[in-house]
């Protein structure tokens, strides 16, 4: 079965590679067609999106929520087109479309033998963080949750590693980083999914709601004396993004992990409030509530 999954993922990957040869505007057009069916016909997760937006922005009226919902669908399907296009562009073109404004911050920490954990959200084109290794001469990892589908698992691994990004499963990450097998390095955590834990110590007021957050990145930062930075991504224009790293905590601050996480939450919230259409409103972010009795 694993061999069959690998074959199918290779087949899909080959089709993606062929599609990547198309001009980005053609891919955007195809994405807009898919968007129309998803938004108007299938109404893909529309109730989740509208509910999330209305709770996060109670001051918005119906027409504003409707407009933001449409803008989200537009951005969401453009991300798919951009992920496909990234499989067929040169390293030079990739660095023009995805630019890190201050790689020196990470490089200076690396020269001081300080490991770096970068916390970000499903914001902008988070999948294009796979281009980040082109800006550094040391390892860049991303942490991921293994998927139930072997086909999708193999495919996403190939798509994300095309520019040298190394994938590390969440189950292995703690032990791997603590053992310092590749140290120092840059570890990217996308930490705004809904976690399985219900620990109120990691619950914050986020977009007007009680929100639980993954604590793994902050805990590892404390345990390994790593620096923590926030990933802020700006869409300069369709198909072009700028990433800026900003410090959240340095090892000598000795912050508690929930304090580190709180700083991350506040920065992510501000980015979302500034440009809400670029966040992933379609995921069920608030399906778990903190357990105050534990």
C-alpha atoms as a PDB file:
ATOM      1  CA  UNK A   1       0.000   0.000   0.000  1.00  0.00           C
ATOM      2  CA  UNK A   2       2.852   2.392   0.794  1.00  0.00           C
ATOM      3  CA  UNK A   3       4.322   1.736  -2.660  1.00  0.00           C
ATOM      4  CA  UNK A   4       0.964   2.489  -4.282  1.00  0.00           C
ATOM      5  CA  UNK A   5       0.646   5.720  -2.308  1.00  0.00           C
ATOM      6  CA  UNK A   6       4.140   6.714  -3.361  1.00  0.00           C
ATOM      7  CA  UNK A   7       3.315   6.014  -7.013  1.00  0.00           C
ATOM      8  CA  UNK A   8       0.135   8.095  -6.924  1.00  0.00           C
ATOM      9  CA  UNK A   9       1.880  10.974  -5.161  1.00  0.00           C
ATOM     10  CA  UNK A  10       4.634  10.904  -7.809  1.00  0.00           C
ATOM     11  CA  UNK A  11       1.985  10.969 -10.539  1.00  0.00           C
ATOM     12  CA  UNK A  12       0.183  13.951  -8.999  1.00  0.00           C
ATOM     13  CA  UNK A  13       3.530  15.668  -8.412  1.00  0.00           C
ATOM     14  CA  UNK A  14       4.395  15.228 -12.094  1.00  0.00           C
ATOM     15  CA  UNK A  15       1.049  16.804 -13.067  1.00  0.00           C
ATOM     16  CA  UNK A  16       1.736  19.719 -10.702  1.00  0.00           C
ATOM     17  CA  UNK A  17       5.156  20.169 -12.319  1.00  0.00           C
ATOM     18  CA  UNK A  18       3.512  20.358 -15.742  1.00  0.00           C
ATOM     19  CA  UNK A  19       0.917  22.851 -14.519  1.00  0.00           C
ATOM     20  CA  UNK A  20       3.721  24.941 -13.015  1.00  0.00           C
ATOM     21  CA  UNK A  21       4.969  25.689 -16.533  1.00  0.00           C
ATOM     22  CA  UNK A  22       1.847  27.789 -17.160  1.00  0.00           C
ATOM     23  CA  UNK A  23       2.074  31.576 -16.648  1.00  0.00           C
ATOM     24  CA  UNK A  24       0.945  32.679 -13.199  1.00  0.00           C
ATOM     25  CA  UNK A  25      -1.956  34.677 -14.690  1.00  0.00           C
ATOM     26  CA  UNK A  26      -3.311  31.516 -16.323  1.00  0.00           C
ATOM     27  CA  UNK A  27      -3.072  29.701 -12.996  1.00  0.00           C
ATOM     28  CA  UNK A  28      -4.858  32.606 -11.298  1.00  0.00           C
ATOM     29  CA  UNK A  29      -7.653  32.359 -13.887  1.00  0.00           C
ATOM     30  CA  UNK A  30      -8.043  28.638 -13.245  1.00  0.00           C
ATOM     31  CA  UNK A  31      -8.038  29.372  -9.515  1.00  0.00           C
ATOM     32  CA  UNK A  32     -10.816  31.957 -10.005  1.00  0.00           C
ATOM     33  CA  UNK A  33     -12.946  29.328 -11.753  1.00  0.00           C
ATOM     34  CA  UNK A  34     -12.450  26.935  -8.843  1.00  0.00           C
ATOM     35  CA  UNK A  35     -13.179  29.789  -6.460  1.00  0.00           C
ATOM     36  CA  UNK A  36     -16.515  30.459  -8.166  1.00  0.00           C
ATOM     37  CA  UNK A  37     -17.663  26.864  -7.740  1.00  0.00           C
ATOM     38  CA  UNK A  38     -16.374  26.619  -4.184  1.00  0.00           C
ATOM     39  CA  UNK A  39     -17.849  29.953  -3.105  1.00  0.00           C
ATOM     40  CA  UNK A  40     -21.090  30.188  -5.081  1.00  0.00           C
ATOM     41  CA  UNK A  41     -22.049  26.599  -5.869  1.00  0.00           C
ATOM     42  CA  UNK A  42     -20.590  24.315  -3.202  1.00  0.00           C
ATOM     43  CA  UNK A  43     -20.330  27.091  -0.589  1.00  0.00           C
ATOM     44  CA  UNK A  44     -17.209  25.374   0.778  1.00  0.00           C
ATOM     45  CA  UNK A  45     -17.115  25.852   4.548  1.00  0.00           C
ATOM     46  CA  UNK A  46     -19.041  29.094   4.149  1.00  0.00           C
ATOM     47  CA  UNK A  47     -20.857  28.708   7.461  1.00  0.00           C
ATOM     48  CA  UNK A  48     -17.555  28.193   9.281  1.00  0.00           C
ATOM     49  CA  UNK A  49     -15.966  31.198   7.567  1.00  0.00           C
ATOM     50  CA  UNK A  50     -18.893  33.540   8.225  1.00  0.00           C
ATOM     51  CA  UNK A  51     -19.227  32.402  11.830  1.00  0.00           C
ATOM     52  CA  UNK A  52     -15.506  32.850  12.495  1.00  0.00           C
ATOM     53  CA  UNK A  53     -15.440  36.331  10.964  1.00  0.00           C
ATOM     54  CA  UNK A  54     -18.596  37.529  12.707  1.00  0.00           C
ATOM     55  CA  UNK A  55     -17.290  36.406  16.105  1.00  0.00           C
ATOM     56  CA  UNK A  56     -13.840  37.877  15.529  1.00  0.00           C
ATOM     57  CA  UNK A  57     -15.236  41.207  14.306  1.00  0.00           C
ATOM     58  CA  UNK A  58     -18.581  41.773  16.067  1.00  0.00           C
ATOM     59  CA  UNK A  59     -18.552  45.390  14.903  1.00  0.00           C
ATOM     60  CA  UNK A  60     -18.871  44.356  11.228  1.00  0.00           C
ATOM     61  CA  UNK A  61     -22.242  44.520   9.522  1.00  0.00           C
ATOM     62  CA  UNK A  62     -23.516  41.864   7.105  1.00  0.00           C
ATOM     63  CA  UNK A  63     -22.223  43.558   3.948  1.00  0.00           C
ATOM     64  CA  UNK A  64     -18.726  43.891   5.448  1.00  0.00           C
ATOM     65  CA  UNK A  65     -18.713  40.224   6.492  1.00  0.00           C
ATOM     66  CA  UNK A  66     -19.885  39.233   3.018  1.00  0.00           C
ATOM     67  CA  UNK A  67     -17.130  41.290   1.375  1.00  0.00           C
ATOM     68  CA  UNK A  68     -14.439  39.881   3.656  1.00  0.00           C
ATOM     69  CA  UNK A  69     -15.683  36.347   3.016  1.00  0.00           C
ATOM     70  CA  UNK A  70     -15.378  36.909  -0.743  1.00  0.00           C
ATOM     71  CA  UNK A  71     -11.901  38.412  -0.391  1.00  0.00           C
ATOM     72  CA  UNK A  72     -10.839  35.430   1.696  1.00  0.00           C
ATOM     73  CA  UNK A  73     -11.990  32.965  -0.985  1.00  0.00           C
ATOM     74  CA  UNK A  74     -10.067  34.959  -3.595  1.00  0.00           C
ATOM     75  CA  UNK A  75      -6.852  34.872  -1.585  1.00  0.00           C
ATOM     76  CA  UNK A  76      -7.305  31.227  -0.550  1.00  0.00           C
ATOM     77  CA  UNK A  77      -7.492  29.974  -4.144  1.00  0.00           C
ATOM     78  CA  UNK A  78      -4.668  32.248  -5.271  1.00  0.00           C
ATOM     79  CA  UNK A  79      -2.491  30.510  -2.685  1.00  0.00           C
ATOM     80  CA  UNK A  80      -3.191  27.197  -4.450  1.00  0.00           C
ATOM     81  CA  UNK A  81      -2.125  28.728  -7.769  1.00  0.00           C
ATOM     82  CA  UNK A  82       1.037  30.144  -6.196  1.00  0.00           C
ATOM     83  CA  UNK A  83       1.975  26.824  -4.605  1.00  0.00           C
ATOM     84  CA  UNK A  84       1.693  25.159  -8.012  1.00  0.00           C
ATOM     85  CA  UNK A  85       3.723  27.926  -9.677  1.00  0.00           C
ATOM     86  CA  UNK A  86       6.497  27.624  -7.085  1.00  0.00           C
ATOM     87  CA  UNK A  87       7.213  24.131  -8.401  1.00  0.00           C
ATOM     88  CA  UNK A  88       8.309  25.499 -11.764  1.00  0.00           C
ATOM     89  CA  UNK A  89      10.262  28.654 -11.013  1.00  0.00           C
ATOM     90  CA  UNK A  90      13.986  29.218 -10.650  1.00  0.00           C
ATOM     91  CA  UNK A  91      15.671  30.021  -7.359  1.00  0.00           C
ATOM     92  CA  UNK A  92      16.211  33.573  -8.627  1.00  0.00           C
ATOM     93  CA  UNK A  93      12.528  34.021  -9.410  1.00  0.00           C
ATOM     94  CA  UNK A  94      11.537  32.430  -6.099  1.00  0.00           C
ATOM     95  CA  UNK A  95      13.676  34.942  -4.181  1.00  0.00           C
ATOM     96  CA  UNK A  96      12.068  37.794  -6.101  1.00  0.00           C
ATOM     97  CA  UNK A  97       8.532  36.592  -5.386  1.00  0.00           C
ATOM     98  CA  UNK A  98       9.244  35.692  -1.765  1.00  0.00           C
ATOM     99  CA  UNK A  99      11.602  38.136  -0.101  1.00  0.00           C
ATOM    100  CA  UNK A 100      12.938  38.129   3.457  1.00  0.00           C
ATOM    101  CA  UNK A 101      13.551  41.728   4.438  1.00  0.00           C
ATOM    102  CA  UNK A 102      15.909  41.054   7.358  1.00  0.00           C
ATOM    103  CA  UNK A 103      17.679  37.687   7.070  1.00  0.00           C
ATOM    104  CA  UNK A 104      20.554  39.265   9.031  1.00  0.00           C
ATOM    105  CA  UNK A 105      18.579  38.911  12.265  1.00  0.00           C
ATOM    106  CA  UNK A 106      18.580  35.114  11.924  1.00  0.00           C
ATOM    107  CA  UNK A 107      22.144  34.997  10.581  1.00  0.00           C
ATOM    108  CA  UNK A 108      23.496  36.992  13.547  1.00  0.00           C
ATOM    109  CA  UNK A 109      21.808  34.650  16.012  1.00  0.00           C
ATOM    110  CA  UNK A 110      23.237  31.666  14.152  1.00  0.00           C
ATOM    111  CA  UNK A 111      26.756  33.155  14.349  1.00  0.00           C
ATOM    112  CA  UNK A 112      26.275  33.400  18.123  1.00  0.00           C
ATOM    113  CA  UNK A 113      25.416  29.675  18.175  1.00  0.00           C
ATOM    114  CA  UNK A 114      21.807  30.451  19.137  1.00  0.00           C
ATOM    115  CA  UNK A 115      19.071  28.210  17.836  1.00  0.00           C
ATOM    116  CA  UNK A 116      16.007  30.027  16.420  1.00  0.00           C
ATOM    117  CA  UNK A 117      12.352  29.047  16.611  1.00  0.00           C
ATOM    118  CA  UNK A 118      10.106  31.080  14.296  1.00  0.00           C
ATOM    119  CA  UNK A 119       6.401  31.235  15.130  1.00  0.00           C
ATOM    120  CA  UNK A 120       3.868  32.109  12.466  1.00  0.00           C
ATOM    121  CA  UNK A 121       0.255  31.593  11.496  1.00  0.00           C
ATOM    122  CA  UNK A 122      -1.757  30.503   8.483  1.00  0.00           C
ATOM    123  CA  UNK A 123      -1.257  33.964   7.121  1.00  0.00           C
ATOM    124  CA  UNK A 124      -0.428  35.286   3.658  1.00  0.00           C
ATOM    125  CA  UNK A 125       1.022  32.389   1.702  1.00  0.00           C
ATOM    126  CA  UNK A 126       2.387  30.310   4.567  1.00  0.00           C
ATOM    127  CA  UNK A 127       3.276  27.501   2.144  1.00  0.00           C
ATOM    128  CA  UNK A 128       5.863  29.768   0.508  1.00  0.00           C
ATOM    129  CA  UNK A 129       7.896  29.654   3.693  1.00  0.00           C
ATOM    130  CA  UNK A 130       9.356  26.633   1.901  1.00  0.00           C
ATOM    131  CA  UNK A 131      11.437  29.189  -0.065  1.00  0.00           C
ATOM    132  CA  UNK A 132      13.150  30.443   3.119  1.00  0.00           C
ATOM    133  CA  UNK A 133      16.148  28.025   2.874  1.00  0.00           C
ATOM    134  CA  UNK A 134      17.355  29.967  -0.180  1.00  0.00           C
ATOM    135  CA  UNK A 135      18.231  32.870   2.122  1.00  0.00           C
ATOM    136  CA  UNK A 136      20.391  30.917   4.587  1.00  0.00           C
ATOM    137  CA  UNK A 137      23.436  28.661   4.484  1.00  0.00           C
ATOM    138  CA  UNK A 138      22.223  26.507   7.387  1.00  0.00           C
ATOM    139  CA  UNK A 139      19.265  24.173   7.881  1.00  0.00           C
ATOM    140  CA  UNK A 140      15.677  25.397   7.902  1.00  0.00           C
ATOM    141  CA  UNK A 141      13.019  23.016   9.213  1.00  0.00           C
ATOM    142  CA  UNK A 142       9.253  23.122   9.306  1.00  0.00           C
ATOM    143  CA  UNK A 143       7.211  21.112  11.744  1.00  0.00           C
ATOM    144  CA  UNK A 144       4.184  19.285  10.417  1.00  0.00           C
ATOM    145  CA  UNK A 145       1.449  16.999  11.619  1.00  0.00           C
ATOM    146  CA  UNK A 146       1.458  13.668   9.710  1.00  0.00           C
ATOM    147  CA  UNK A 147      -1.646  13.328   7.541  1.00  0.00           C
ATOM    148  CA  UNK A 148      -3.975  10.345   7.471  1.00  0.00           C
ATOM    149  CA  UNK A 149      -3.694  10.099   3.676  1.00  0.00           C
ATOM    150  CA  UNK A 150      -0.388   8.604   2.572  1.00  0.00           C
ATOM    151  CA  UNK A 151      -0.843  10.091  -0.906  1.00  0.00           C
ATOM    152  CA  UNK A 152      -1.277  13.653   0.366  1.00  0.00           C
ATOM    153  CA  UNK A 153       1.515  13.101   2.899  1.00  0.00           C
ATOM    154  CA  UNK A 154       4.033  12.143   0.197  1.00  0.00           C
ATOM    155  CA  UNK A 155       2.844  14.874  -2.169  1.00  0.00           C
ATOM    156  CA  UNK A 156       3.082  17.677   0.398  1.00  0.00           C
ATOM    157  CA  UNK A 157       6.545  16.473   1.383  1.00  0.00           C
ATOM    158  CA  UNK A 158       7.719  16.864  -2.216  1.00  0.00           C
ATOM    159  CA  UNK A 159       6.040  20.235  -2.706  1.00  0.00           C
ATOM    160  CA  UNK A 160       7.499  21.705   0.473  1.00  0.00           C
ATOM    161  CA  UNK A 161      11.050  20.432   0.060  1.00  0.00           C
ATOM    162  CA  UNK A 162      11.703  21.665  -3.489  1.00  0.00           C
ATOM    163  CA  UNK A 163      13.930  24.534  -2.246  1.00  0.00           C
ATOM    164  CA  UNK A 164      15.641  22.580   0.521  1.00  0.00           C
ATOM    165  CA  UNK A 165      13.180  22.914   3.392  1.00  0.00           C
ATOM    166  CA  UNK A 166      13.517  20.002   5.820  1.00  0.00           C
ATOM    167  CA  UNK A 167      10.371  18.435   7.247  1.00  0.00           C
ATOM    168  CA  UNK A 168      10.163  17.306  10.852  1.00  0.00           C
ATOM    169  CA  UNK A 169       7.073  15.625  12.280  1.00  0.00           C
ATOM    170  CA  UNK A 170       5.692  17.030  15.509  1.00  0.00           C
ATOM    171  CA  UNK A 171       6.144  13.644  17.174  1.00  0.00           C
ATOM    172  CA  UNK A 172       9.896  13.726  16.513  1.00  0.00           C
ATOM    173  CA  UNK A 173      10.518  17.451  16.912  1.00  0.00           C
ATOM    174  CA  UNK A 174      10.970  17.657  20.684  1.00  0.00           C
ATOM    175  CA  UNK A 175      13.510  14.872  20.921  1.00  0.00           C
ATOM    176  CA  UNK A 176      15.311  15.966  17.752  1.00  0.00           C
ATOM    177  CA  UNK A 177      15.779  19.593  18.831  1.00  0.00           C
ATOM    178  CA  UNK A 178      16.692  18.677  22.405  1.00  0.00           C
ATOM    179  CA  UNK A 179      19.357  16.256  21.148  1.00  0.00           C
ATOM    180  CA  UNK A 180      20.818  19.124  19.066  1.00  0.00           C
ATOM    181  CA  UNK A 181      21.366  16.851  16.069  1.00  0.00           C
ATOM    182  CA  UNK A 182      21.433  19.874  13.743  1.00  0.00           C
ATOM    183  CA  UNK A 183      22.249  22.889  15.867  1.00  0.00           C
ATOM    184  CA  UNK A 184      21.842  25.792  15.595  1.00  0.00           C
ATOM    185  CA  UNK A 185      19.164  25.907  12.917  1.00  0.00           C
ATOM    186  CA  UNK A 186      15.926  27.694  12.080  1.00  0.00           C
ATOM    187  CA  UNK A 187      12.729  25.852  13.033  1.00  0.00           C
ATOM    188  CA  UNK A 188       9.421  27.134  11.673  1.00  0.00           C
ATOM    189  CA  UNK A 189       6.249  26.471  13.679  1.00  0.00           C
ATOM    190  CA  UNK A 190       2.807  27.349  12.288  1.00  0.00           C
ATOM    191  CA  UNK A 191       1.055  27.641  15.608  1.00  0.00           C
ATOM    192  CA  UNK A 192      -2.491  28.930  15.110  1.00  0.00           C
ATOM    193  CA  UNK A 193      -4.335  25.642  14.606  1.00  0.00           C
ATOM    194  CA  UNK A 194      -6.786  24.409  17.202  1.00  0.00           C
ATOM    195  CA  UNK A 195      -4.745  22.279  19.658  1.00  0.00           C
ATOM    196  CA  UNK A 196      -5.990  19.096  21.276  1.00  0.00           C
ATOM    197  CA  UNK A 197      -5.095  20.233  24.801  1.00  0.00           C
ATOM    198  CA  UNK A 198      -7.510  22.264  26.946  1.00  0.00           C
ATOM    199  CA  UNK A 199      -4.964  23.752  29.338  1.00  0.00           C
ATOM    200  CA  UNK A 200      -6.170  27.233  30.404  1.00  0.00           C
ATOM    201  CA  UNK A 201      -2.540  28.282  30.963  1.00  0.00           C
ATOM    202  CA  UNK A 202      -2.229  28.488  27.170  1.00  0.00           C
ATOM    203  CA  UNK A 203      -5.561  30.196  26.557  1.00  0.00           C
ATOM    204  CA  UNK A 204      -5.613  33.841  25.453  1.00  0.00           C
ATOM    205  CA  UNK A 205      -8.099  36.466  24.381  1.00  0.00           C
ATOM    206  CA  UNK A 206      -7.583  36.286  20.624  1.00  0.00           C
ATOM    207  CA  UNK A 207      -9.937  37.988  18.178  1.00  0.00           C
ATOM    208  CA  UNK A 208     -12.526  38.565  20.913  1.00  0.00           C
ATOM    209  CA  UNK A 209     -12.662  34.903  21.911  1.00  0.00           C
ATOM    210  CA  UNK A 210     -11.030  32.538  24.385  1.00  0.00           C
ATOM    211  CA  UNK A 211      -8.469  30.755  22.224  1.00  0.00           C
ATOM    212  CA  UNK A 212      -6.205  27.831  23.007  1.00  0.00           C
ATOM    213  CA  UNK A 213      -2.803  27.711  21.304  1.00  0.00           C
ATOM    214  CA  UNK A 214      -0.187  25.054  20.674  1.00  0.00           C
ATOM    215  CA  UNK A 215       2.539  25.369  23.275  1.00  0.00           C
ATOM    216  CA  UNK A 216       5.155  23.090  21.702  1.00  0.00           C
ATOM    217  CA  UNK A 217       7.265  25.816  20.086  1.00  0.00           C
ATOM    218  CA  UNK A 218       7.375  27.969  23.209  1.00  0.00           C
ATOM    219  CA  UNK A 219       8.142  24.977  25.445  1.00  0.00           C
ATOM    220  CA  UNK A 220      10.997  23.875  23.196  1.00  0.00           C
ATOM    221  CA  UNK A 221      12.366  27.411  23.087  1.00  0.00           C
ATOM    222  CA  UNK A 222      12.521  27.479  26.891  1.00  0.00           C
ATOM    223  CA  UNK A 223      14.005  23.987  27.127  1.00  0.00           C
ATOM    224  CA  UNK A 224      16.702  24.554  24.479  1.00  0.00           C
ATOM    225  CA  UNK A 225      17.448  28.219  25.258  1.00  0.00           C
ATOM    226  CA  UNK A 226      16.441  29.161  21.720  1.00  0.00           C
ATOM    227  CA  UNK A 227      15.609  32.609  20.456  1.00  0.00           C
ATOM    228  CA  UNK A 228      12.005  33.051  19.332  1.00  0.00           C
ATOM    229  CA  UNK A 229      11.000  35.292  16.433  1.00  0.00           C
ATOM    230  CA  UNK A 230       7.666  36.160  14.871  1.00  0.00           C
ATOM    231  CA  UNK A 231       7.028  35.679  11.156  1.00  0.00           C
ATOM    232  CA  UNK A 232       5.164  38.638   9.677  1.00  0.00           C
ATOM    233  CA  UNK A 233       4.231  38.279   6.006  1.00  0.00           C
ATOM    234  CA  UNK A 234       3.049  41.069   3.735  1.00  0.00           C
ATOM    235  CA  UNK A 235       1.524  40.620   0.300  1.00  0.00           C
ATOM    236  CA  UNK A 236       3.128  43.353  -1.803  1.00  0.00           C
ATOM    237  CA  UNK A 237       0.940  42.366  -4.778  1.00  0.00           C
ATOM    238  CA  UNK A 238      -0.521  39.073  -6.047  1.00  0.00           C
ATOM    239  CA  UNK A 239       2.283  36.529  -6.239  1.00  0.00           C
ATOM    240  CA  UNK A 240       4.793  38.632  -4.272  1.00  0.00           C
ATOM    241  CA  UNK A 241       5.352  38.416  -0.522  1.00  0.00           C
ATOM    242  CA  UNK A 242       7.705  39.994   1.982  1.00  0.00           C
ATOM    243  CA  UNK A 243       8.593  38.335   5.285  1.00  0.00           C
ATOM    244  CA  UNK A 244       9.999  40.223   8.230  1.00  0.00           C
ATOM    245  CA  UNK A 245      11.251  38.485  11.371  1.00  0.00           C
ATOM    246  CA  UNK A 246      10.803  40.324  14.661  1.00  0.00           C
ATOM    247  CA  UNK A 247      12.161  39.160  18.040  1.00  0.00           C
ATOM    248  CA  UNK A 248       9.691  37.708  20.525  1.00  0.00           C
ATOM    249  CA  UNK A 249      12.180  36.549  23.140  1.00  0.00           C
ATOM    250  CA  UNK A 250      15.898  35.991  23.577  1.00  0.00           C
ATOM    251  CA  UNK A 251      17.424  33.250  25.746  1.00  0.00           C
ATOM    252  CA  UNK A 252      18.710  35.686  28.372  1.00  0.00           C
ATOM    253  CA  UNK A 253      15.161  36.952  29.048  1.00  0.00           C
ATOM    254  CA  UNK A 254      14.228  33.588  30.564  1.00  0.00           C
ATOM    255  CA  UNK A 255      10.537  34.051  29.807  1.00  0.00           C
ATOM    256  CA  UNK A 256       8.036  31.376  30.716  1.00  0.00           C
ATOM    257  CA  UNK A 257       6.621  29.488  27.757  1.00  0.00           C
ATOM    258  CA  UNK A 258       3.125  30.946  28.224  1.00  0.00           C
ATOM    259  CA  UNK A 259       4.641  34.456  28.203  1.00  0.00           C
ATOM    260  CA  UNK A 260       6.434  33.709  24.932  1.00  0.00           C
ATOM    261  CA  UNK A 261       3.197  32.410  23.463  1.00  0.00           C
ATOM    262  CA  UNK A 262       1.271  35.465  24.610  1.00  0.00           C
ATOM    263  CA  UNK A 263       3.639  37.762  22.710  1.00  0.00           C
ATOM    264  CA  UNK A 264       3.162  35.646  19.592  1.00  0.00           C
ATOM    265  CA  UNK A 265      -0.626  35.726  19.922  1.00  0.00           C
ATOM    266  CA  UNK A 266      -0.709  39.524  20.168  1.00  0.00           C
ATOM    267  CA  UNK A 267       1.439  39.999  17.056  1.00  0.00           C
ATOM    268  CA  UNK A 268      -0.564  37.523  15.006  1.00  0.00           C
ATOM    269  CA  UNK A 269      -3.796  39.177  16.111  1.00  0.00           C
ATOM    270  CA  UNK A 270      -2.547  42.588  14.998  1.00  0.00           C
ATOM    271  CA  UNK A 271      -1.575  41.273  11.562  1.00  0.00           C
ATOM    272  CA  UNK A 272      -5.003  39.694  11.148  1.00  0.00           C
ATOM    273  CA  UNK A 273      -6.784  42.889  12.164  1.00  0.00           C
ATOM    274  CA  UNK A 274      -4.707  44.868   9.655  1.00  0.00           C
ATOM    275  CA  UNK A 275      -5.419  42.549   6.679  1.00  0.00           C
ATOM    276  CA  UNK A 276      -8.048  39.985   7.705  1.00  0.00           C
ATOM    277  CA  UNK A 277      -8.558  38.491   4.230  1.00  0.00           C
ATOM    278  CA  UNK A 278      -5.093  36.895   4.396  1.00  0.00           C
ATOM    279  CA  UNK A 279      -5.861  34.607   7.362  1.00  0.00           C
ATOM    280  CA  UNK A 280      -7.231  31.051   7.084  1.00  0.00           C
ATOM    281  CA  UNK A 281     -10.829  31.624   8.195  1.00  0.00           C
ATOM    282  CA  UNK A 282     -12.008  28.249   6.919  1.00  0.00           C
ATOM    283  CA  UNK A 283     -10.469  26.150   9.683  1.00  0.00           C
ATOM    284  CA  UNK A 284     -12.382  25.376  12.872  1.00  0.00           C
ATOM    285  CA  UNK A 285     -10.146  27.431  15.115  1.00  0.00           C
ATOM    286  CA  UNK A 286     -12.400  27.544  18.163  1.00  0.00           C
ATOM    287  CA  UNK A 287     -13.694  23.972  18.421  1.00  0.00           C
ATOM    288  CA  UNK A 288     -12.027  23.384  21.837  1.00  0.00           C
ATOM    289  CA  UNK A 289     -12.615  25.338  25.034  1.00  0.00           C
ATOM    290  CA  UNK A 290     -10.269  25.529  28.028  1.00  0.00           C
ATOM    291  CA  UNK A 291     -10.940  23.157  30.913  1.00  0.00           C
ATOM    292  CA  UNK A 292     -10.950  25.369  34.000  1.00  0.00           C
ATOM    293  CA  UNK A 293     -11.296  22.332  36.303  1.00  0.00           C
ATOM    294  CA  UNK A 294      -7.970  20.703  35.507  1.00  0.00           C
END
